[in-house]
């Protein structure tokens, strides 16, 4: 769920967020039950077809999200091959690509406000225990929103380092990256407090 919503509307945007996430949940459960290469391969093709139906930009964003998974799947595939179970590695790889591909379809076609509103509705029972439903909703929203921001910030720091040194930065960027994120967290906390915070709304006596 690391892709941001598309800047244009597609057929999938007309579907309710609850329906899309419900179907995604069922799909994830179903994929965990499928133990055949044909079944997992079909799921990958379905995810690919759904993504293609959203347009070229959706395909490009989805491929960017899937790219880091190639190395993870490759390592697991090599490990399973050395263990004498090449089929298991392929099955796992297809399952991962299918799951992430389907999740991308949902996040690409569901604007962040709709995701926040859905989580807040689902978290309403927490209010009985004194926990504001806004807490999980805002938490998920921040994770989705700041993962690409974190990547962009790291790339910016890397470019600045490479412009001043021929050596690789390695772990030297962790400190400035951490401090910049802590500064962002302070600004975010101030913004939330200025808008009423995350506490339960005050109810006066009847």
C-alpha atoms as a PDB file:
ATOM      1  CA  UNK A   1       0.000   0.000   0.000  1.00  0.00           C
ATOM      2  CA  UNK A   2       2.932   2.365  -0.687  1.00  0.00           C
ATOM      3  CA  UNK A   3       1.646   3.915  -3.931  1.00  0.00           C
ATOM      4  CA  UNK A   4      -0.184   7.210  -3.865  1.00  0.00           C
ATOM      5  CA  UNK A   5      -3.551   7.644  -5.529  1.00  0.00           C
ATOM      6  CA  UNK A   6      -3.620   8.536  -9.207  1.00  0.00           C
ATOM      7  CA  UNK A   7      -4.204  12.210 -10.044  1.00  0.00           C
ATOM      8  CA  UNK A   8      -6.985  11.248 -12.472  1.00  0.00           C
ATOM      9  CA  UNK A   9     -10.146   9.219 -12.068  1.00  0.00           C
ATOM     10  CA  UNK A  10     -10.688   5.724 -13.449  1.00  0.00           C
ATOM     11  CA  UNK A  11     -13.488   3.176 -13.392  1.00  0.00           C
ATOM     12  CA  UNK A  12     -12.193   1.822 -10.074  1.00  0.00           C
ATOM     13  CA  UNK A  13     -12.506   5.225  -8.406  1.00  0.00           C
ATOM     14  CA  UNK A  14     -16.289   4.879  -8.586  1.00  0.00           C
ATOM     15  CA  UNK A  15     -16.229   1.806  -6.350  1.00  0.00           C
ATOM     16  CA  UNK A  16     -16.652   2.406  -2.589  1.00  0.00           C
ATOM     17  CA  UNK A  17     -13.455   2.174  -0.564  1.00  0.00           C
ATOM     18  CA  UNK A  18     -15.023  -0.392   1.763  1.00  0.00           C
ATOM     19  CA  UNK A  19     -15.866  -2.652  -1.183  1.00  0.00           C
ATOM     20  CA  UNK A  20     -12.359  -2.439  -2.635  1.00  0.00           C
ATOM     21  CA  UNK A  21     -10.649  -3.190   0.656  1.00  0.00           C
ATOM     22  CA  UNK A  22     -13.121  -5.970   1.380  1.00  0.00           C
ATOM     23  CA  UNK A  23     -12.399  -7.616  -1.979  1.00  0.00           C
ATOM     24  CA  UNK A  24      -8.680  -7.132  -1.402  1.00  0.00           C
ATOM     25  CA  UNK A  25      -8.929  -8.902   1.968  1.00  0.00           C
ATOM     26  CA  UNK A  26     -10.752 -11.836   0.390  1.00  0.00           C
ATOM     27  CA  UNK A  27      -8.169 -11.970  -2.395  1.00  0.00           C
ATOM     28  CA  UNK A  28      -5.303 -12.077   0.119  1.00  0.00           C
ATOM     29  CA  UNK A  29      -6.953 -14.899   2.031  1.00  0.00           C
ATOM     30  CA  UNK A  30      -7.610 -16.759  -1.207  1.00  0.00           C
ATOM     31  CA  UNK A  31      -4.020 -16.399  -2.405  1.00  0.00           C
ATOM     32  CA  UNK A  32      -2.748 -17.881   0.847  1.00  0.00           C
ATOM     33  CA  UNK A  33      -4.905 -20.943   0.190  1.00  0.00           C
ATOM     34  CA  UNK A  34      -3.791 -21.465  -3.414  1.00  0.00           C
ATOM     35  CA  UNK A  35      -0.901 -23.889  -3.623  1.00  0.00           C
ATOM     36  CA  UNK A  36      -0.511 -24.245  -7.387  1.00  0.00           C
ATOM     37  CA  UNK A  37       1.755 -22.305  -9.718  1.00  0.00           C
ATOM     38  CA  UNK A  38      -1.092 -21.973 -12.215  1.00  0.00           C
ATOM     39  CA  UNK A  39      -3.343 -20.377  -9.624  1.00  0.00           C
ATOM     40  CA  UNK A  40      -0.712 -17.908  -8.435  1.00  0.00           C
ATOM     41  CA  UNK A  41       0.267 -17.146 -12.025  1.00  0.00           C
ATOM     42  CA  UNK A  42      -3.353 -16.410 -12.883  1.00  0.00           C
ATOM     43  CA  UNK A  43      -3.532 -14.025  -9.913  1.00  0.00           C
ATOM     44  CA  UNK A  44      -0.461 -12.168 -11.195  1.00  0.00           C
ATOM     45  CA  UNK A  45      -2.062 -11.833 -14.635  1.00  0.00           C
ATOM     46  CA  UNK A  46      -5.282 -10.533 -13.065  1.00  0.00           C
ATOM     47  CA  UNK A  47      -3.342  -7.942 -11.066  1.00  0.00           C
ATOM     48  CA  UNK A  48      -1.472  -6.946 -14.220  1.00  0.00           C
ATOM     49  CA  UNK A  49      -4.688  -6.641 -16.243  1.00  0.00           C
ATOM     50  CA  UNK A  50      -6.393  -4.548 -13.556  1.00  0.00           C
ATOM     51  CA  UNK A  51      -3.392  -2.241 -13.323  1.00  0.00           C
ATOM     52  CA  UNK A  52      -3.212  -1.884 -17.118  1.00  0.00           C
ATOM     53  CA  UNK A  53      -6.893  -0.936 -17.198  1.00  0.00           C
ATOM     54  CA  UNK A  54      -6.046   2.113 -15.055  1.00  0.00           C
ATOM     55  CA  UNK A  55      -3.687   3.596 -17.630  1.00  0.00           C
ATOM     56  CA  UNK A  56       0.026   3.963 -18.338  1.00  0.00           C
ATOM     57  CA  UNK A  57       0.757   6.057 -15.271  1.00  0.00           C
ATOM     58  CA  UNK A  58      -0.740   3.386 -13.033  1.00  0.00           C
ATOM     59  CA  UNK A  59       1.473   0.767 -14.679  1.00  0.00           C
ATOM     60  CA  UNK A  60       4.555   2.941 -14.187  1.00  0.00           C
ATOM     61  CA  UNK A  61       3.821   3.610 -10.497  1.00  0.00           C
ATOM     62  CA  UNK A  62       3.057  -0.037  -9.838  1.00  0.00           C
ATOM     63  CA  UNK A  63       6.305  -1.172 -11.465  1.00  0.00           C
ATOM     64  CA  UNK A  64       8.250   1.265  -9.284  1.00  0.00           C
ATOM     65  CA  UNK A  65       6.635  -0.293  -6.215  1.00  0.00           C
ATOM     66  CA  UNK A  66       7.332  -3.839  -7.388  1.00  0.00           C
ATOM     67  CA  UNK A  67      10.964  -3.202  -8.316  1.00  0.00           C
ATOM     68  CA  UNK A  68      12.439  -3.586  -4.784  1.00  0.00           C
ATOM     69  CA  UNK A  69      10.565  -6.868  -4.396  1.00  0.00           C
ATOM     70  CA  UNK A  70      12.534  -8.422  -7.254  1.00  0.00           C
ATOM     71  CA  UNK A  71      15.671  -8.645  -5.145  1.00  0.00           C
ATOM     72  CA  UNK A  72      13.824 -10.020  -2.128  1.00  0.00           C
ATOM     73  CA  UNK A  73      12.088 -12.669  -4.205  1.00  0.00           C
ATOM     74  CA  UNK A  74      15.366 -13.492  -5.982  1.00  0.00           C
ATOM     75  CA  UNK A  75      17.165 -14.137  -2.688  1.00  0.00           C
ATOM     76  CA  UNK A  76      14.332 -16.356  -1.431  1.00  0.00           C
ATOM     77  CA  UNK A  77      14.223 -18.183  -4.772  1.00  0.00           C
ATOM     78  CA  UNK A  78      17.961 -18.882  -4.615  1.00  0.00           C
ATOM     79  CA  UNK A  79      17.628 -20.080  -1.008  1.00  0.00           C
ATOM     80  CA  UNK A  80      14.747 -22.422  -1.804  1.00  0.00           C
ATOM     81  CA  UNK A  81      16.639 -23.742  -4.829  1.00  0.00           C
ATOM     82  CA  UNK A  82      19.662 -24.534  -2.666  1.00  0.00           C
ATOM     83  CA  UNK A  83      17.282 -26.291  -0.268  1.00  0.00           C
ATOM     84  CA  UNK A  84      16.029 -28.402  -3.154  1.00  0.00           C
ATOM     85  CA  UNK A  85      12.573 -26.813  -3.437  1.00  0.00           C
ATOM     86  CA  UNK A  86      12.674 -24.510  -6.481  1.00  0.00           C
ATOM     87  CA  UNK A  87       8.907 -24.774  -6.906  1.00  0.00           C
ATOM     88  CA  UNK A  88       8.273 -23.320  -3.445  1.00  0.00           C
ATOM     89  CA  UNK A  89      10.419 -20.289  -4.251  1.00  0.00           C
ATOM     90  CA  UNK A  90       8.545 -19.646  -7.493  1.00  0.00           C
ATOM     91  CA  UNK A  91       5.212 -20.082  -5.713  1.00  0.00           C
ATOM     92  CA  UNK A  92       6.208 -17.579  -3.049  1.00  0.00           C
ATOM     93  CA  UNK A  93       7.449 -15.077  -5.615  1.00  0.00           C
ATOM     94  CA  UNK A  94       4.250 -15.219  -7.654  1.00  0.00           C
ATOM     95  CA  UNK A  95       2.165 -14.836  -4.498  1.00  0.00           C
ATOM     96  CA  UNK A  96       4.102 -11.756  -3.379  1.00  0.00           C
ATOM     97  CA  UNK A  97       3.813 -10.072  -6.776  1.00  0.00           C
ATOM     98  CA  UNK A  98       0.103 -10.873  -6.969  1.00  0.00           C
ATOM     99  CA  UNK A  99      -0.611  -9.525  -3.478  1.00  0.00           C
ATOM    100  CA  UNK A 100       1.365  -6.311  -3.925  1.00  0.00           C
ATOM    101  CA  UNK A 101      -0.066  -5.826  -7.407  1.00  0.00           C
ATOM    102  CA  UNK A 102      -3.635  -6.111  -6.180  1.00  0.00           C
ATOM    103  CA  UNK A 103      -2.907  -3.854  -3.211  1.00  0.00           C
ATOM    104  CA  UNK A 104      -1.501  -1.258  -5.594  1.00  0.00           C
ATOM    105  CA  UNK A 105      -4.706  -1.316  -7.619  1.00  0.00           C
ATOM    106  CA  UNK A 106      -6.665  -0.437  -4.482  1.00  0.00           C
ATOM    107  CA  UNK A 107      -4.337   2.298  -3.246  1.00  0.00           C
ATOM    108  CA  UNK A 108      -3.935   3.824  -6.705  1.00  0.00           C
ATOM    109  CA  UNK A 109      -7.691   4.227  -7.005  1.00  0.00           C
ATOM    110  CA  UNK A 110      -8.535   5.181  -3.419  1.00  0.00           C
ATOM    111  CA  UNK A 111      -7.643   8.744  -2.372  1.00  0.00           C
ATOM    112  CA  UNK A 112      -6.083   9.066   1.062  1.00  0.00           C
ATOM    113  CA  UNK A 113      -9.112  10.891   2.594  1.00  0.00           C
ATOM    114  CA  UNK A 114     -11.314   7.916   1.671  1.00  0.00           C
ATOM    115  CA  UNK A 115      -8.873   5.496   3.323  1.00  0.00           C
ATOM    116  CA  UNK A 116      -8.759   7.638   6.467  1.00  0.00           C
ATOM    117  CA  UNK A 117     -12.564   7.890   6.591  1.00  0.00           C
ATOM    118  CA  UNK A 118     -12.920   4.108   6.183  1.00  0.00           C
ATOM    119  CA  UNK A 119     -10.434   3.306   8.960  1.00  0.00           C
ATOM    120  CA  UNK A 120     -12.075   5.838  11.252  1.00  0.00           C
ATOM    121  CA  UNK A 121     -15.477   4.190  10.700  1.00  0.00           C
ATOM    122  CA  UNK A 122     -14.049   0.739  11.361  1.00  0.00           C
ATOM    123  CA  UNK A 123     -12.333   1.994  14.516  1.00  0.00           C
ATOM    124  CA  UNK A 124     -15.475   3.477  16.057  1.00  0.00           C
ATOM    125  CA  UNK A 125     -15.724   0.650  18.670  1.00  0.00           C
ATOM    126  CA  UNK A 126     -12.444   1.930  20.172  1.00  0.00           C
ATOM    127  CA  UNK A 127     -14.298   4.997  21.423  1.00  0.00           C
ATOM    128  CA  UNK A 128     -15.961   2.793  24.076  1.00  0.00           C
ATOM    129  CA  UNK A 129     -12.491   2.277  25.589  1.00  0.00           C
ATOM    130  CA  UNK A 130     -11.607   5.963  25.494  1.00  0.00           C
ATOM    131  CA  UNK A 131      -9.468   5.697  22.359  1.00  0.00           C
ATOM    132  CA  UNK A 132     -10.229   8.115  19.556  1.00  0.00           C
ATOM    133  CA  UNK A 133     -10.932   6.417  16.195  1.00  0.00           C
ATOM    134  CA  UNK A 134      -8.859   9.176  14.654  1.00  0.00           C
ATOM    135  CA  UNK A 135      -5.664   7.661  16.082  1.00  0.00           C
ATOM    136  CA  UNK A 136      -5.456   4.554  13.854  1.00  0.00           C
ATOM    137  CA  UNK A 137      -6.857   6.495  10.896  1.00  0.00           C
ATOM    138  CA  UNK A 138      -4.260   9.244  11.099  1.00  0.00           C
ATOM    139  CA  UNK A 139      -1.498   6.720  11.860  1.00  0.00           C
ATOM    140  CA  UNK A 140      -2.183   4.764   8.677  1.00  0.00           C
ATOM    141  CA  UNK A 141      -2.468   7.978   6.687  1.00  0.00           C
ATOM    142  CA  UNK A 142       0.902   9.196   7.950  1.00  0.00           C
ATOM    143  CA  UNK A 143       2.603   5.897   7.118  1.00  0.00           C
ATOM    144  CA  UNK A 144       1.206   5.869   3.578  1.00  0.00           C
ATOM    145  CA  UNK A 145       2.024   9.522   3.012  1.00  0.00           C
ATOM    146  CA  UNK A 146       5.486   9.667   4.544  1.00  0.00           C
ATOM    147  CA  UNK A 147       7.041   6.517   3.077  1.00  0.00           C
ATOM    148  CA  UNK A 148       7.546   8.214  -0.328  1.00  0.00           C
ATOM    149  CA  UNK A 149       8.556  11.407   1.498  1.00  0.00           C
ATOM    150  CA  UNK A 150      11.187   9.435   3.414  1.00  0.00           C
ATOM    151  CA  UNK A 151      12.527   7.948   0.183  1.00  0.00           C
ATOM    152  CA  UNK A 152      12.644  11.366  -1.496  1.00  0.00           C
ATOM    153  CA  UNK A 153      14.413  12.883   1.527  1.00  0.00           C
ATOM    154  CA  UNK A 154      17.032  10.123   1.481  1.00  0.00           C
ATOM    155  CA  UNK A 155      17.601  10.594  -2.257  1.00  0.00           C
ATOM    156  CA  UNK A 156      18.060  14.349  -1.743  1.00  0.00           C
ATOM    157  CA  UNK A 157      20.611  13.813   1.022  1.00  0.00           C
ATOM    158  CA  UNK A 158      22.435  11.243  -1.105  1.00  0.00           C
ATOM    159  CA  UNK A 159      22.668  13.644  -4.038  1.00  0.00           C
ATOM    160  CA  UNK A 160      23.967  16.400  -1.758  1.00  0.00           C
ATOM    161  CA  UNK A 161      26.594  14.031  -0.337  1.00  0.00           C
ATOM    162  CA  UNK A 162      27.730  12.796  -3.763  1.00  0.00           C
ATOM    163  CA  UNK A 163      28.096  16.394  -4.938  1.00  0.00           C
ATOM    164  CA  UNK A 164      30.650  16.980  -2.178  1.00  0.00           C
ATOM    165  CA  UNK A 165      32.407  13.639  -1.899  1.00  0.00           C
ATOM    166  CA  UNK A 166      33.441  10.770  -4.140  1.00  0.00           C
ATOM    167  CA  UNK A 167      32.956   8.254  -1.340  1.00  0.00           C
ATOM    168  CA  UNK A 168      29.691   6.450  -0.728  1.00  0.00           C
ATOM    169  CA  UNK A 169      27.689   7.854   2.231  1.00  0.00           C
ATOM    170  CA  UNK A 170      26.888   4.413   3.683  1.00  0.00           C
ATOM    171  CA  UNK A 171      25.453   5.029   7.182  1.00  0.00           C
ATOM    172  CA  UNK A 172      26.560   8.665   7.418  1.00  0.00           C
ATOM    173  CA  UNK A 173      23.154   9.894   6.227  1.00  0.00           C
ATOM    174  CA  UNK A 174      21.245   8.222   9.050  1.00  0.00           C
ATOM    175  CA  UNK A 175      21.841  11.058  11.540  1.00  0.00           C
ATOM    176  CA  UNK A 176      20.735  13.971   9.297  1.00  0.00           C
ATOM    177  CA  UNK A 177      17.843  11.909   7.983  1.00  0.00           C
ATOM    178  CA  UNK A 178      16.697  11.098  11.528  1.00  0.00           C
ATOM    179  CA  UNK A 179      16.958  14.714  12.690  1.00  0.00           C
ATOM    180  CA  UNK A 180      15.013  15.972   9.668  1.00  0.00           C
ATOM    181  CA  UNK A 181      12.263  13.418  10.312  1.00  0.00           C
ATOM    182  CA  UNK A 182      12.098  14.379  13.996  1.00  0.00           C
ATOM    183  CA  UNK A 183      11.729  18.009  12.923  1.00  0.00           C
ATOM    184  CA  UNK A 184       8.894  16.999  10.573  1.00  0.00           C
ATOM    185  CA  UNK A 185       7.273  15.076  13.429  1.00  0.00           C
ATOM    186  CA  UNK A 186       7.340  18.203  15.621  1.00  0.00           C
ATOM    187  CA  UNK A 187       5.703  20.267  12.898  1.00  0.00           C
ATOM    188  CA  UNK A 188       3.106  17.543  12.341  1.00  0.00           C
ATOM    189  CA  UNK A 189       2.313  17.395  16.064  1.00  0.00           C
ATOM    190  CA  UNK A 190       1.892  21.183  16.183  1.00  0.00           C
ATOM    191  CA  UNK A 191      -0.420  21.040  13.168  1.00  0.00           C
ATOM    192  CA  UNK A 192      -2.546  18.302  14.754  1.00  0.00           C
ATOM    193  CA  UNK A 193      -2.807  20.197  18.044  1.00  0.00           C
ATOM    194  CA  UNK A 194      -3.835  23.349  16.177  1.00  0.00           C
ATOM    195  CA  UNK A 195      -6.672  21.371  14.597  1.00  0.00           C
ATOM    196  CA  UNK A 196      -7.987  19.873  17.812  1.00  0.00           C
ATOM    197  CA  UNK A 197      -5.641  16.914  18.213  1.00  0.00           C
ATOM    198  CA  UNK A 198      -6.695  13.271  18.198  1.00  0.00           C
ATOM    199  CA  UNK A 199      -8.691  13.161  21.402  1.00  0.00           C
ATOM    200  CA  UNK A 200     -12.305  12.104  21.523  1.00  0.00           C
ATOM    201  CA  UNK A 201     -14.706  14.995  20.913  1.00  0.00           C
ATOM    202  CA  UNK A 202     -15.963  16.504  24.175  1.00  0.00           C
ATOM    203  CA  UNK A 203     -19.573  15.753  24.957  1.00  0.00           C
ATOM    204  CA  UNK A 204     -21.438  18.093  27.192  1.00  0.00           C
ATOM    205  CA  UNK A 205     -24.055  16.952  29.677  1.00  0.00           C
ATOM    206  CA  UNK A 206     -27.568  16.482  28.377  1.00  0.00           C
END
